[in-house]
PDB file of all heavy atoms in Angstrom:
ATOM      1  N   PHE A   1       0.833  -1.215  -0.015  1.00  0.00           N
ATOM      2  CA  PHE A   1       0.021   0.014   0.000  1.00  0.00           C
ATOM      3  C   PHE A   1       0.861   1.247  -0.012  1.00  0.00           C
ATOM      4  O   PHE A   1       0.356   2.354   0.251  1.00  0.00           O
ATOM      5  CB  PHE A   1      -0.928  -0.004   1.206  1.00  0.00           C
ATOM      6  CG  PHE A   1      -1.879  -1.170   1.242  1.00  0.00           C
ATOM      7  CD1 PHE A   1      -1.517  -2.325   1.911  1.00  0.00           C
ATOM      8  CD2 PHE A   1      -3.056  -1.131   0.578  1.00  0.00           C
ATOM      9  CE1 PHE A   1      -2.385  -3.431   1.912  1.00  0.00           C
ATOM     10  CE2 PHE A   1      -3.925  -2.182   0.593  1.00  0.00           C
ATOM     11  CZ  PHE A   1      -3.584  -3.351   1.229  1.00  0.00           C
ATOM     12  N   ILE A   2       2.132   1.108  -0.301  1.00  0.00           N
ATOM     13  CA  ILE A   2       3.047   2.249  -0.401  1.00  0.00           C
ATOM     14  C   ILE A   2       3.268   2.546  -1.891  1.00  0.00           C
ATOM     15  O   ILE A   2       3.717   1.744  -2.641  1.00  0.00           O
ATOM     16  CB  ILE A   2       4.381   1.961   0.278  1.00  0.00           C
ATOM     17  CG1 ILE A   2       4.144   1.854   1.824  1.00  0.00           C
ATOM     18  CG2 ILE A   2       5.397   3.059   0.000  1.00  0.00           C
ATOM     19  CD1 ILE A   2       5.385   1.506   2.590  1.00  0.00           C
ATOM     20  N   ASN A   3       2.859   3.764  -2.272  1.00  0.00           N
ATOM     21  CA  ASN A   3       3.032   4.195  -3.635  1.00  0.00           C
ATOM     22  C   ASN A   3       4.525   4.505  -3.951  1.00  0.00           C
ATOM     23  O   ASN A   3       5.133   5.281  -3.276  1.00  0.00           O
ATOM     24  CB  ASN A   3       2.216   5.487  -3.847  1.00  0.00           C
ATOM     25  CG  ASN A   3       2.099   5.833  -5.333  1.00  0.00           C
ATOM     26  OD1 ASN A   3       3.002   5.656  -6.110  1.00  0.00           O
ATOM     27  ND2 ASN A   3       0.902   6.377  -5.714  1.00  0.00           N
ATOM     28  N   SER A   4       5.028   3.770  -4.950  1.00  0.00           N
ATOM     29  CA  SER A   4       6.432   3.894  -5.284  1.00  0.00           C
ATOM     30  C   SER A   4       6.816   5.286  -5.852  1.00  0.00           C
ATOM     31  O   SER A   4       7.989   5.666  -5.925  1.00  0.00           O
ATOM     32  CB  SER A   4       6.850   2.831  -6.302  1.00  0.00           C
ATOM     33  OG  SER A   4       6.069   2.954  -7.488  1.00  0.00           O
ATOM     34  N   ASN A   5       5.777   6.058  -6.278  1.00  0.00           N
ATOM     35  CA  ASN A   5       6.036   7.425  -6.833  1.00  0.00           C
ATOM     36  C   ASN A   5       6.082   8.484  -5.746  1.00  0.00           C
ATOM     37  O   ASN A   5       6.318   9.656  -6.055  1.00  0.00           O
ATOM     38  CB  ASN A   5       4.969   7.730  -7.852  1.00  0.00           C
ATOM     39  CG  ASN A   5       4.984   6.825  -9.050  1.00  0.00           C
ATOM     40  OD1 ASN A   5       6.035   6.441  -9.526  1.00  0.00           O
ATOM     41  ND2 ASN A   5       3.783   6.455  -9.510  1.00  0.00           N
ATOM     42  N   GLU A   6       5.874   8.072  -4.505  1.00  0.00           N
ATOM     43  CA  GLU A   6       5.873   8.999  -3.373  1.00  0.00           C
ATOM     44  C   GLU A   6       6.915   8.578  -2.365  1.00  0.00           C
ATOM     45  O   GLU A   6       7.331   7.406  -2.340  1.00  0.00           O
ATOM     46  CB  GLU A   6       4.499   9.061  -2.716  1.00  0.00           C
ATOM     47  CG  GLU A   6       3.346   9.348  -3.596  1.00  0.00           C
ATOM     48  CD  GLU A   6       3.347  10.804  -4.064  1.00  0.00           C
ATOM     49  OE1 GLU A   6       3.971  11.620  -3.405  1.00  0.00           O
ATOM     50  OE2 GLU A   6       2.728  11.084  -5.134  1.00  0.00           O
ATOM     51  N   PRO A   7       7.393   9.484  -1.506  1.00  0.00           N
ATOM     52  CA  PRO A   7       8.358   9.137  -0.465  1.00  0.00           C
ATOM     53  C   PRO A   7       7.802   8.022   0.400  1.00  0.00           C
ATOM     54  O   PRO A   7       6.674   8.056   0.894  1.00  0.00           O
ATOM     55  CB  PRO A   7       8.518  10.418   0.345  1.00  0.00           C
ATOM     56  CG  PRO A   7       8.159  11.518  -0.644  1.00  0.00           C
ATOM     57  CD  PRO A   7       7.086  10.922  -1.496  1.00  0.00           C
ATOM     58  N   ALA A   8       8.615   6.962   0.580  1.00  0.00           N
ATOM     59  CA  ALA A   8       8.143   5.772   1.282  1.00  0.00           C
ATOM     60  C   ALA A   8       8.049   5.987   2.781  1.00  0.00           C
ATOM     61  O   ALA A   8       7.117   5.491   3.424  1.00  0.00           O
ATOM     62  CB  ALA A   8       9.071   4.592   1.019  1.00  0.00           C
ATOM     63  N   GLY A   9       8.948   6.753   3.388  1.00  0.00           N
ATOM     64  CA  GLY A   9       9.023   6.948   4.804  1.00  0.00           C
ATOM     65  C   GLY A   9       7.714   7.481   5.424  1.00  0.00           C
ATOM     66  O   GLY A   9       7.119   6.827   6.251  1.00  0.00           O
ATOM     67  N   PRO A  10       7.229   8.637   4.970  1.00  0.00           N
ATOM     68  CA  PRO A  10       5.995   9.200   5.496  1.00  0.00           C
ATOM     69  C   PRO A  10       4.797   8.256   5.318  1.00  0.00           C
ATOM     70  O   PRO A  10       3.913   8.166   6.186  1.00  0.00           O
ATOM     71  CB  PRO A  10       5.803  10.469   4.702  1.00  0.00           C
ATOM     72  CG  PRO A  10       7.179  10.908   4.280  1.00  0.00           C
ATOM     73  CD  PRO A  10       7.874   9.554   4.008  1.00  0.00           C
ATOM     74  N   GLN A  11       4.768   7.557   4.204  1.00  0.00           N
ATOM     75  CA  GLN A  11       3.664   6.619   3.972  1.00  0.00           C
ATOM     76  C   GLN A  11       3.707   5.452   4.945  1.00  0.00           C
ATOM     77  O   GLN A  11       2.677   5.074   5.503  1.00  0.00           O
ATOM     78  CB  GLN A  11       3.745   6.069   2.537  1.00  0.00           C
ATOM     79  CG  GLN A  11       3.448   7.094   1.429  1.00  0.00           C
ATOM     80  CD  GLN A  11       3.485   6.413   0.075  1.00  0.00           C
ATOM     81  OE1 GLN A  11       2.579   5.746  -0.368  1.00  0.00           O
ATOM     82  NE2 GLN A  11       4.595   6.606  -0.659  1.00  0.00           N
ATOM     83  N   TYR A  12       4.884   4.930   5.194  1.00  0.00           N
ATOM     84  CA  TYR A  12       5.044   3.823   6.141  1.00  0.00           C
ATOM     85  C   TYR A  12       4.584   4.247   7.540  1.00  0.00           C
ATOM     86  O   TYR A  12       3.811   3.504   8.170  1.00  0.00           O
ATOM     87  CB  TYR A  12       6.465   3.295   6.180  1.00  0.00           C
ATOM     88  CG  TYR A  12       6.618   2.254   7.287  1.00  0.00           C
ATOM     89  CD1 TYR A  12       6.246   0.918   7.071  1.00  0.00           C
ATOM     90  CD2 TYR A  12       7.136   2.597   8.528  1.00  0.00           C
ATOM     91  CE1 TYR A  12       6.370  -0.001   8.061  1.00  0.00           C
ATOM     92  CE2 TYR A  12       7.175   1.680   9.556  1.00  0.00           C
ATOM     93  CZ  TYR A  12       6.859   0.353   9.312  1.00  0.00           C
ATOM     94  OH  TYR A  12       6.943  -0.563  10.329  1.00  0.00           O
ATOM     95  N   TRP A  13       5.048   5.411   7.987  1.00  0.00           N
ATOM     96  CA  TRP A  13       4.704   5.819   9.355  1.00  0.00           C
ATOM     97  C   TRP A  13       3.191   6.147   9.518  1.00  0.00           C
ATOM     98  O   TRP A  13       2.601   5.898  10.541  1.00  0.00           O
ATOM     99  CB  TRP A  13       5.524   7.046   9.755  1.00  0.00           C
ATOM    100  CG  TRP A  13       6.958   6.678   9.922  1.00  0.00           C
ATOM    101  CD1 TRP A  13       8.034   7.166   9.188  1.00  0.00           C
ATOM    102  CD2 TRP A  13       7.551   5.745  10.840  1.00  0.00           C
ATOM    103  NE1 TRP A  13       9.226   6.613   9.571  1.00  0.00           N
ATOM    104  CE2 TRP A  13       8.972   5.741  10.610  1.00  0.00           C
ATOM    105  CE3 TRP A  13       7.062   4.916  11.839  1.00  0.00           C
ATOM    106  CZ2 TRP A  13       9.825   4.915  11.321  1.00  0.00           C
ATOM    107  CZ3 TRP A  13       7.903   4.133  12.558  1.00  0.00           C
ATOM    108  CH2 TRP A  13       9.283   4.133  12.307  1.00  0.00           C
ATOM    109  N   LEU A  14       2.583   6.602   8.375  1.00  0.00           N
ATOM    110  CA  LEU A  14       1.162   6.807   8.401  1.00  0.00           C
ATOM    111  C   LEU A  14       0.412   5.492   8.560  1.00  0.00           C
ATOM    112  O   LEU A  14      -0.534   5.340   9.360  1.00  0.00           O
ATOM    113  CB  LEU A  14       0.694   7.526   7.142  1.00  0.00           C
ATOM    114  CG  LEU A  14      -0.820   7.663   6.926  1.00  0.00           C
ATOM    115  CD1 LEU A  14      -1.441   8.530   8.079  1.00  0.00           C
ATOM    116  CD2 LEU A  14      -1.140   8.262   5.584  1.00  0.00           C
ATOM    117  N   LEU A  15       0.886   4.483   7.788  1.00  0.00           N
ATOM    118  CA  LEU A  15       0.266   3.172   7.861  1.00  0.00           C
ATOM    119  C   LEU A  15       0.467   2.514   9.254  1.00  0.00           C
ATOM    120  O   LEU A  15      -0.460   1.955   9.823  1.00  0.00           O
ATOM    121  CB  LEU A  15       0.838   2.271   6.756  1.00  0.00           C
ATOM    122  CG  LEU A  15       0.565   2.683   5.336  1.00  0.00           C
ATOM    123  CD1 LEU A  15       1.185   1.662   4.378  1.00  0.00           C
ATOM    124  CD2 LEU A  15      -0.929   2.782   5.040  1.00  0.00           C
ATOM    125  N   ALA A  16       1.685   2.635   9.765  1.00  0.00           N
ATOM    126  CA  ALA A  16       1.997   2.106  11.061  1.00  0.00           C
ATOM    127  C   ALA A  16       1.179   2.754  12.170  1.00  0.00           C
ATOM    128  O   ALA A  16       0.624   2.070  13.040  1.00  0.00           O
ATOM    129  CB  ALA A  16       3.485   2.268  11.364  1.00  0.00           C
ATOM    130  N   GLY A  17       1.033   4.068  12.113  1.00  0.00           N
ATOM    131  CA  GLY A  17       0.253   4.820  13.098  1.00  0.00           C
ATOM    132  C   GLY A  17      -1.206   4.401  13.038  1.00  0.00           C
ATOM    133  O   GLY A  17      -1.868   4.200  14.054  1.00  0.00           O
ATOM    134  N   SER A  18      -1.727   4.324  11.792  1.00  0.00           N
ATOM    135  CA  SER A  18      -3.119   3.949  11.604  1.00  0.00           C
ATOM    136  C   SER A  18      -3.394   2.529  12.083  1.00  0.00           C
ATOM    137  O   SER A  18      -4.423   2.251  12.686  1.00  0.00           O
ATOM    138  CB  SER A  18      -3.515   4.064  10.132  1.00  0.00           C
ATOM    139  OG  SER A  18      -3.277   5.393   9.680  1.00  0.00           O
ATOM    140  N   PHE A  19      -2.437   1.626  11.822  1.00  0.00           N
ATOM    141  CA  PHE A  19      -2.586   0.231  12.248  1.00  0.00           C
ATOM    142  C   PHE A  19      -2.605   0.145  13.779  1.00  0.00           C
ATOM    143  O   PHE A  19      -3.399  -0.595  14.333  1.00  0.00           O
ATOM    144  CB  PHE A  19      -1.381  -0.590  11.716  1.00  0.00           C
ATOM    145  CG  PHE A  19      -1.504  -2.065  11.947  1.00  0.00           C
ATOM    146  CD1 PHE A  19      -2.238  -2.846  11.055  1.00  0.00           C
ATOM    147  CD2 PHE A  19      -0.893  -2.675  13.014  1.00  0.00           C
ATOM    148  CE1 PHE A  19      -2.357  -4.208  11.261  1.00  0.00           C
ATOM    149  CE2 PHE A  19      -1.012  -4.046  13.242  1.00  0.00           C
ATOM    150  CZ  PHE A  19      -1.747  -4.806  12.343  1.00  0.00           C
ATOM    151  N   THR A  20      -1.812   0.989  14.432  1.00  0.00           N
ATOM    152  CA  THR A  20      -1.791   0.980  15.872  1.00  0.00           C
ATOM    153  C   THR A  20      -3.125   1.540  16.453  1.00  0.00           C
ATOM    154  O   THR A  20      -3.661   0.961  17.420  1.00  0.00           O
ATOM    155  CB  THR A  20      -0.625   1.858  16.402  1.00  0.00           C
ATOM    156  OG1 THR A  20       0.602   1.314  15.875  1.00  0.00           O
ATOM    157  CG2 THR A  20      -0.540   1.881  17.921  1.00  0.00           C
ATOM    158  N   VAL A  21      -3.596   2.613  15.880  1.00  0.00           N
ATOM    159  CA  VAL A  21      -4.892   3.162  16.344  1.00  0.00           C
ATOM    160  C   VAL A  21      -6.058   2.214  16.148  1.00  0.00           C
ATOM    161  O   VAL A  21      -6.856   1.998  17.021  1.00  0.00           O
ATOM    162  CB  VAL A  21      -5.173   4.536  15.611  1.00  0.00           C
ATOM    163  CG1 VAL A  21      -6.569   5.017  15.966  1.00  0.00           C
ATOM    164  CG2 VAL A  21      -4.136   5.594  16.007  1.00  0.00           C
ATOM    165  N   LEU A  22      -6.044   1.550  14.982  1.00  0.00           N
ATOM    166  CA  LEU A  22      -7.095   0.542  14.704  1.00  0.00           C
ATOM    167  C   LEU A  22      -6.964  -0.589  15.726  1.00  0.00           C
ATOM    168  O   LEU A  22      -8.007  -1.052  16.228  1.00  0.00           O
ATOM    169  CB  LEU A  22      -6.857  -0.023  13.282  1.00  0.00           C
ATOM    170  CG  LEU A  22      -7.679   0.615  12.144  1.00  0.00           C
ATOM    171  CD1 LEU A  22      -7.306  -0.062  10.821  1.00  0.00           C
ATOM    172  CD2 LEU A  22      -9.168   0.543  12.391  1.00  0.00           C
ATOM    173  N   GLY A  23      -5.752  -1.009  15.999  1.00  0.00           N
ATOM    174  CA  GLY A  23      -5.565  -2.079  16.981  1.00  0.00           C
ATOM    175  C   GLY A  23      -6.084  -1.646  18.356  1.00  0.00           C
ATOM    176  O   GLY A  23      -6.740  -2.447  19.026  1.00  0.00           O
ATOM    177  N   MET A  24      -5.831  -0.431  18.740  1.00  0.00           N
ATOM    178  CA  MET A  24      -6.291   0.058  20.037  1.00  0.00           C
ATOM    179  C   MET A  24      -7.809   0.011  20.113  1.00  0.00           C
ATOM    180  O   MET A  24      -8.398  -0.468  21.119  1.00  0.00           O
ATOM    181  CB  MET A  24      -5.812   1.497  20.279  1.00  0.00           C
ATOM    182  CG  MET A  24      -6.273   2.077  21.604  1.00  0.00           C
ATOM    183  SD  MET A  24      -5.604   3.739  21.864  1.00  0.00           S
ATOM    184  CE  MET A  24      -6.408   4.634  20.516  1.00  0.00           C
ATOM    185  N   VAL A  25      -8.481   0.454  19.061  1.00  0.00           N
ATOM    186  CA  VAL A  25      -9.940   0.508  19.036  1.00  0.00           C
ATOM    187  C   VAL A  25     -10.537  -0.941  19.018  1.00  0.00           C
ATOM    188  O   VAL A  25     -11.389  -1.296  19.856  1.00  0.00           O
ATOM    189  CB  VAL A  25     -10.466   1.266  17.818  1.00  0.00           C
ATOM    190  CG1 VAL A  25     -11.980   1.195  17.712  1.00  0.00           C
ATOM    191  CG2 VAL A  25     -10.031   2.732  17.945  1.00  0.00           C
ATOM    192  N   LEU A  26     -10.058  -1.771  18.122  1.00  0.00           N
ATOM    193  CA  LEU A  26     -10.660  -3.086  17.920  1.00  0.00           C
ATOM    194  C   LEU A  26     -10.294  -4.010  19.093  1.00  0.00           C
ATOM    195  O   LEU A  26     -11.150  -4.817  19.566  1.00  0.00           O
ATOM    196  CB  LEU A  26     -10.219  -3.686  16.603  1.00  0.00           C
ATOM    197  CG  LEU A  26     -10.741  -2.929  15.358  1.00  0.00           C
ATOM    198  CD1 LEU A  26     -10.159  -3.552  14.079  1.00  0.00           C
ATOM    199  CD2 LEU A  26     -12.259  -2.969  15.317  1.00  0.00           C
ATOM    200  N   ASN A  27      -9.026  -3.962  19.555  1.00  0.00           N
ATOM    201  CA  ASN A  27      -8.636  -4.785  20.691  1.00  0.00           C
ATOM    202  C   ASN A  27      -9.369  -4.399  21.956  1.00  0.00           C
ATOM    203  O   ASN A  27      -9.733  -5.221  22.757  1.00  0.00           O
ATOM    204  CB  ASN A  27      -7.127  -4.742  20.875  1.00  0.00           C
ATOM    205  CG  ASN A  27      -6.356  -5.426  19.796  1.00  0.00           C
ATOM    206  OD1 ASN A  27      -5.179  -5.095  19.543  1.00  0.00           O
ATOM    207  ND2 ASN A  27      -6.958  -6.378  19.125  1.00  0.00           N
ATOM    208  N   SER A  28      -9.614  -3.091  22.117  1.00  0.00           N
ATOM    209  CA  SER A  28     -10.357  -2.603  23.297  1.00  0.00           C
ATOM    210  C   SER A  28     -11.774  -3.115  23.208  1.00  0.00           C
ATOM    211  O   SER A  28     -12.416  -3.466  24.259  1.00  0.00           O
ATOM    212  CB  SER A  28     -10.357  -1.078  23.365  1.00  0.00           C
ATOM    213  OG  SER A  28      -9.039  -0.590  23.584  1.00  0.00           O
ATOM    214  N   ALA A  29     -12.351  -3.151  22.013  1.00  0.00           N
ATOM    215  CA  ALA A  29     -13.685  -3.699  21.860  1.00  0.00           C
ATOM    216  C   ALA A  29     -13.725  -5.197  22.210  1.00  0.00           C
ATOM    217  O   ALA A  29     -14.684  -5.653  22.841  1.00  0.00           O
ATOM    218  CB  ALA A  29     -14.163  -3.523  20.409  1.00  0.00           C
TER     219      ALA A  29
END
């Protein structure tokens, strides 16, 4: 889900942060 035409770093950290927030919500449920 990382677009090769865009900087990879910011995309990765966005995905990682989103994955963590999703985990917090769903695991808490």
